[in-house]
Amino acid sequence: MLWKKAAELTPTPLEHCMGGEGTVMMERLLDAPAEMLGKGRAYVRHTLAPGVSIGRHTHTGEMESMVIVKGRARHVINGEEQLLETGDLIAAMPGDTHEIACLGEELLVLIAQVLYE
């Protein structure tokens, strides 16, 4: 069993994450790959302030799912733009290229999981 208290999670600043704008605050929810049974490389909570983005990147040999916990986002996957809101879920499959940015004046909070193919 794993159990972690929110107060124990330490935010890590990621400046220009994947070539994006500003600083993403990342909290590692699971210590990958050990706490993911070797099946993935990330299970994190990202917080993006207005104007902050995660730049365009391609998933090779892995897939990433994201759920929007709070806020609004502009997500572009394989050239297709999507507007995401609280509760929405996306998944970038192996070979997909995507990017995401905070929209509006509210923080964007998302949980992302990257699993190996």
C-alpha atoms as a PDB file:
ATOM      1  CA  MET A   1       0.000   0.000   0.000  1.00  0.00           C
ATOM      2  CA  LEU A   2       1.053   3.560  -0.707  1.00  0.00           C
ATOM      3  CA  TRP A   3      -0.177   6.521   1.276  1.00  0.00           C
ATOM      4  CA  LYS A   4       0.987  10.096   0.926  1.00  0.00           C
ATOM      5  CA  LYS A   5      -0.332  13.228   2.604  1.00  0.00           C
ATOM      6  CA  ALA A   6      -0.767  16.301   0.417  1.00  0.00           C
ATOM      7  CA  ALA A   7       1.371  18.318   2.844  1.00  0.00           C
ATOM      8  CA  GLU A   8       4.298  15.961   2.144  1.00  0.00           C
ATOM      9  CA  LEU A   9       4.338  16.635  -1.611  1.00  0.00           C
ATOM     10  CA  THR A  10       7.020  19.109  -2.646  1.00  0.00           C
ATOM     11  CA  PRO A  11       6.353  21.268  -5.727  1.00  0.00           C
ATOM     12  CA  THR A  12       9.227  21.371  -8.214  1.00  0.00           C
ATOM     13  CA  PRO A  13       9.439  24.311 -10.647  1.00  0.00           C
ATOM     14  CA  LEU A  14       9.883  23.325 -14.300  1.00  0.00           C
ATOM     15  CA  GLU A  15      10.965  26.375 -16.265  1.00  0.00           C
ATOM     16  CA  HIS A  16       9.980  26.330 -19.936  1.00  0.00           C
ATOM     17  CA  CYS A  17       8.664  22.749 -19.635  1.00  0.00           C
ATOM     18  CA  MET A  18       9.086  20.996 -22.998  1.00  0.00           C
ATOM     19  CA  GLY A  19       9.928  24.416 -24.471  1.00  0.00           C
ATOM     20  CA  GLY A  20       6.734  26.048 -23.172  1.00  0.00           C
ATOM     21  CA  GLU A  21       6.213  29.455 -21.604  1.00  0.00           C
ATOM     22  CA  GLY A  22       6.743  30.283 -17.937  1.00  0.00           C
ATOM     23  CA  THR A  23       7.143  27.891 -15.023  1.00  0.00           C
ATOM     24  CA  VAL A  24       5.049  24.778 -14.416  1.00  0.00           C
ATOM     25  CA  MET A  25       4.855  23.656 -10.796  1.00  0.00           C
ATOM     26  CA  MET A  26       5.074  19.836 -10.675  1.00  0.00           C
ATOM     27  CA  GLU A  27       4.296  17.526  -7.774  1.00  0.00           C
ATOM     28  CA  ARG A  28       5.318  13.874  -8.115  1.00  0.00           C
ATOM     29  CA  LEU A  29       2.337  11.864  -6.898  1.00  0.00           C
ATOM     30  CA  LEU A  30       4.149   8.567  -7.422  1.00  0.00           C
ATOM     31  CA  ASP A  31       7.889   7.945  -7.577  1.00  0.00           C
ATOM     32  CA  ALA A  32       8.193   6.468 -11.048  1.00  0.00           C
ATOM     33  CA  PRO A  33       8.973   3.878 -12.161  1.00  0.00           C
ATOM     34  CA  ALA A  34       9.270   2.100  -8.782  1.00  0.00           C
ATOM     35  CA  GLU A  35       5.872   3.117  -7.400  1.00  0.00           C
ATOM     36  CA  MET A  36       4.253   2.488 -10.804  1.00  0.00           C
ATOM     37  CA  LEU A  37       5.330  -1.161 -10.879  1.00  0.00           C
ATOM     38  CA  GLY A  38       7.752  -0.311 -13.697  1.00  0.00           C
ATOM     39  CA  LYS A  39       4.836   0.433 -16.053  1.00  0.00           C
ATOM     40  CA  GLY A  40       5.252   4.179 -16.367  1.00  0.00           C
ATOM     41  CA  ARG A  41       7.528   7.171 -15.960  1.00  0.00           C
ATOM     42  CA  ALA A  42       5.238   9.784 -14.434  1.00  0.00           C
ATOM     43  CA  TYR A  43       2.194  10.301 -12.271  1.00  0.00           C
ATOM     44  CA  VAL A  44       2.191  14.007 -11.439  1.00  0.00           C
ATOM     45  CA  ARG A  45       0.071  17.024 -10.640  1.00  0.00           C
ATOM     46  CA  HIS A  46       0.934  20.103 -12.704  1.00  0.00           C
ATOM     47  CA  THR A  47      -0.152  23.623 -11.808  1.00  0.00           C
ATOM     48  CA  LEU A  48       0.071  26.278 -14.519  1.00  0.00           C
ATOM     49  CA  ALA A  49      -0.546  29.976 -13.902  1.00  0.00           C
ATOM     50  CA  PRO A  50      -2.218  32.107 -16.578  1.00  0.00           C
ATOM     51  CA  GLY A  51       0.007  32.315 -19.664  1.00  0.00           C
ATOM     52  CA  VAL A  52       2.046  29.227 -18.712  1.00  0.00           C
ATOM     53  CA  SER A  53       2.277  26.280 -21.108  1.00  0.00           C
ATOM     54  CA  ILE A  54       3.840  22.867 -21.615  1.00  0.00           C
ATOM     55  CA  GLY A  55       5.430  22.956 -25.048  1.00  0.00           C
ATOM     56  CA  ARG A  56       4.875  20.682 -28.009  1.00  0.00           C
ATOM     57  CA  HIS A  57       6.322  17.198 -27.558  1.00  0.00           C
ATOM     58  CA  THR A  58       5.852  13.717 -29.015  1.00  0.00           C
ATOM     59  CA  HIS A  59       5.193  10.532 -27.071  1.00  0.00           C
ATOM     60  CA  THR A  60       7.327   7.686 -28.387  1.00  0.00           C
ATOM     61  CA  GLY A  61       6.790   4.246 -26.854  1.00  0.00           C
ATOM     62  CA  GLU A  62       4.421   5.660 -24.239  1.00  0.00           C
ATOM     63  CA  MET A  63       1.022   7.259 -23.761  1.00  0.00           C
ATOM     64  CA  GLU A  64      -0.042  10.147 -21.538  1.00  0.00           C
ATOM     65  CA  SER A  65      -3.447  10.711 -20.017  1.00  0.00           C
ATOM     66  CA  MET A  66      -4.414  13.986 -18.370  1.00  0.00           C
ATOM     67  CA  VAL A  67      -7.467  15.022 -16.397  1.00  0.00           C
ATOM     68  CA  ILE A  68      -8.234  18.684 -15.797  1.00  0.00           C
ATOM     69  CA  VAL A  69      -8.775  19.125 -12.052  1.00  0.00           C
ATOM     70  CA  LYS A  70      -9.293  22.886 -12.153  1.00  0.00           C
ATOM     71  CA  GLY A  71      -9.296  25.667 -14.722  1.00  0.00           C
ATOM     72  CA  ARG A  72      -9.382  25.831 -18.500  1.00  0.00           C
ATOM     73  CA  ALA A  73      -6.820  24.813 -21.087  1.00  0.00           C
ATOM     74  CA  ARG A  74      -6.000  25.037 -24.765  1.00  0.00           C
ATOM     75  CA  HIS A  75      -4.746  21.625 -25.855  1.00  0.00           C
ATOM     76  CA  VAL A  76      -3.384  20.954 -29.343  1.00  0.00           C
ATOM     77  CA  ILE A  77      -2.882  17.326 -30.357  1.00  0.00           C
ATOM     78  CA  ASN A  78      -1.646  16.366 -33.813  1.00  0.00           C
ATOM     79  CA  GLY A  79      -2.600  19.861 -35.012  1.00  0.00           C
ATOM     80  CA  GLU A  80      -6.192  19.705 -33.652  1.00  0.00           C
ATOM     81  CA  GLU A  81      -7.103  22.316 -31.034  1.00  0.00           C
ATOM     82  CA  GLN A  82      -9.319  21.403 -28.098  1.00  0.00           C
ATOM     83  CA  LEU A  83     -10.627  23.631 -25.317  1.00  0.00           C
ATOM     84  CA  LEU A  84     -10.637  21.720 -22.033  1.00  0.00           C
ATOM     85  CA  GLU A  85     -12.435  22.461 -18.762  1.00  0.00           C
ATOM     86  CA  THR A  86     -12.593  21.005 -15.273  1.00  0.00           C
ATOM     87  CA  GLY A  87     -13.306  17.265 -15.445  1.00  0.00           C
ATOM     88  CA  ASP A  88     -12.240  16.793 -19.077  1.00  0.00           C
ATOM     89  CA  LEU A  89      -9.807  13.996 -19.945  1.00  0.00           C
ATOM     90  CA  ILE A  90      -7.442  13.562 -22.872  1.00  0.00           C
ATOM     91  CA  ALA A  91      -4.991  10.850 -23.828  1.00  0.00           C
ATOM     92  CA  ALA A  92      -2.002  11.236 -26.140  1.00  0.00           C
ATOM     93  CA  MET A  93      -1.218   7.826 -27.611  1.00  0.00           C
ATOM     94  CA  PRO A  94       2.180   6.590 -28.858  1.00  0.00           C
ATOM     95  CA  GLY A  95       3.261   8.788 -31.759  1.00  0.00           C
ATOM     96  CA  ASP A  96       0.950  11.694 -30.856  1.00  0.00           C
ATOM     97  CA  THR A  97       2.354  15.203 -30.588  1.00  0.00           C
ATOM     98  CA  HIS A  98       0.683  17.654 -28.228  1.00  0.00           C
ATOM     99  CA  GLU A  99       0.969  20.792 -26.095  1.00  0.00           C
ATOM    100  CA  ILE A 100      -1.198  22.427 -23.431  1.00  0.00           C
ATOM    101  CA  ALA A 101      -1.605  25.972 -22.094  1.00  0.00           C
ATOM    102  CA  CYS A 102      -3.530  27.636 -19.287  1.00  0.00           C
ATOM    103  CA  LEU A 103      -6.427  29.788 -20.513  1.00  0.00           C
ATOM    104  CA  GLY A 104      -8.011  32.658 -18.621  1.00  0.00           C
ATOM    105  CA  GLU A 105      -7.114  34.113 -15.241  1.00  0.00           C
ATOM    106  CA  GLU A 106      -7.579  30.979 -13.112  1.00  0.00           C
ATOM    107  CA  LEU A 107      -4.845  28.441 -12.340  1.00  0.00           C
ATOM    108  CA  LEU A 108      -4.853  25.277 -14.447  1.00  0.00           C
ATOM    109  CA  VAL A 109      -4.381  22.146 -12.355  1.00  0.00           C
ATOM    110  CA  LEU A 110      -4.078  18.777 -14.090  1.00  0.00           C
ATOM    111  CA  ILE A 111      -3.028  15.269 -13.214  1.00  0.00           C
ATOM    112  CA  ALA A 112      -0.923  13.487 -15.831  1.00  0.00           C
ATOM    113  CA  GLN A 113       0.096   9.850 -16.057  1.00  0.00           C
ATOM    114  CA  VAL A 114       2.657   8.558 -18.566  1.00  0.00           C
ATOM    115  CA  LEU A 115       2.594   4.790 -19.156  1.00  0.00           C
ATOM    116  CA  TYR A 116       4.970   2.699 -21.243  1.00  0.00           C
ATOM    117  CA  GLU A 117       3.606   1.099 -24.416  1.00  0.00           C
END
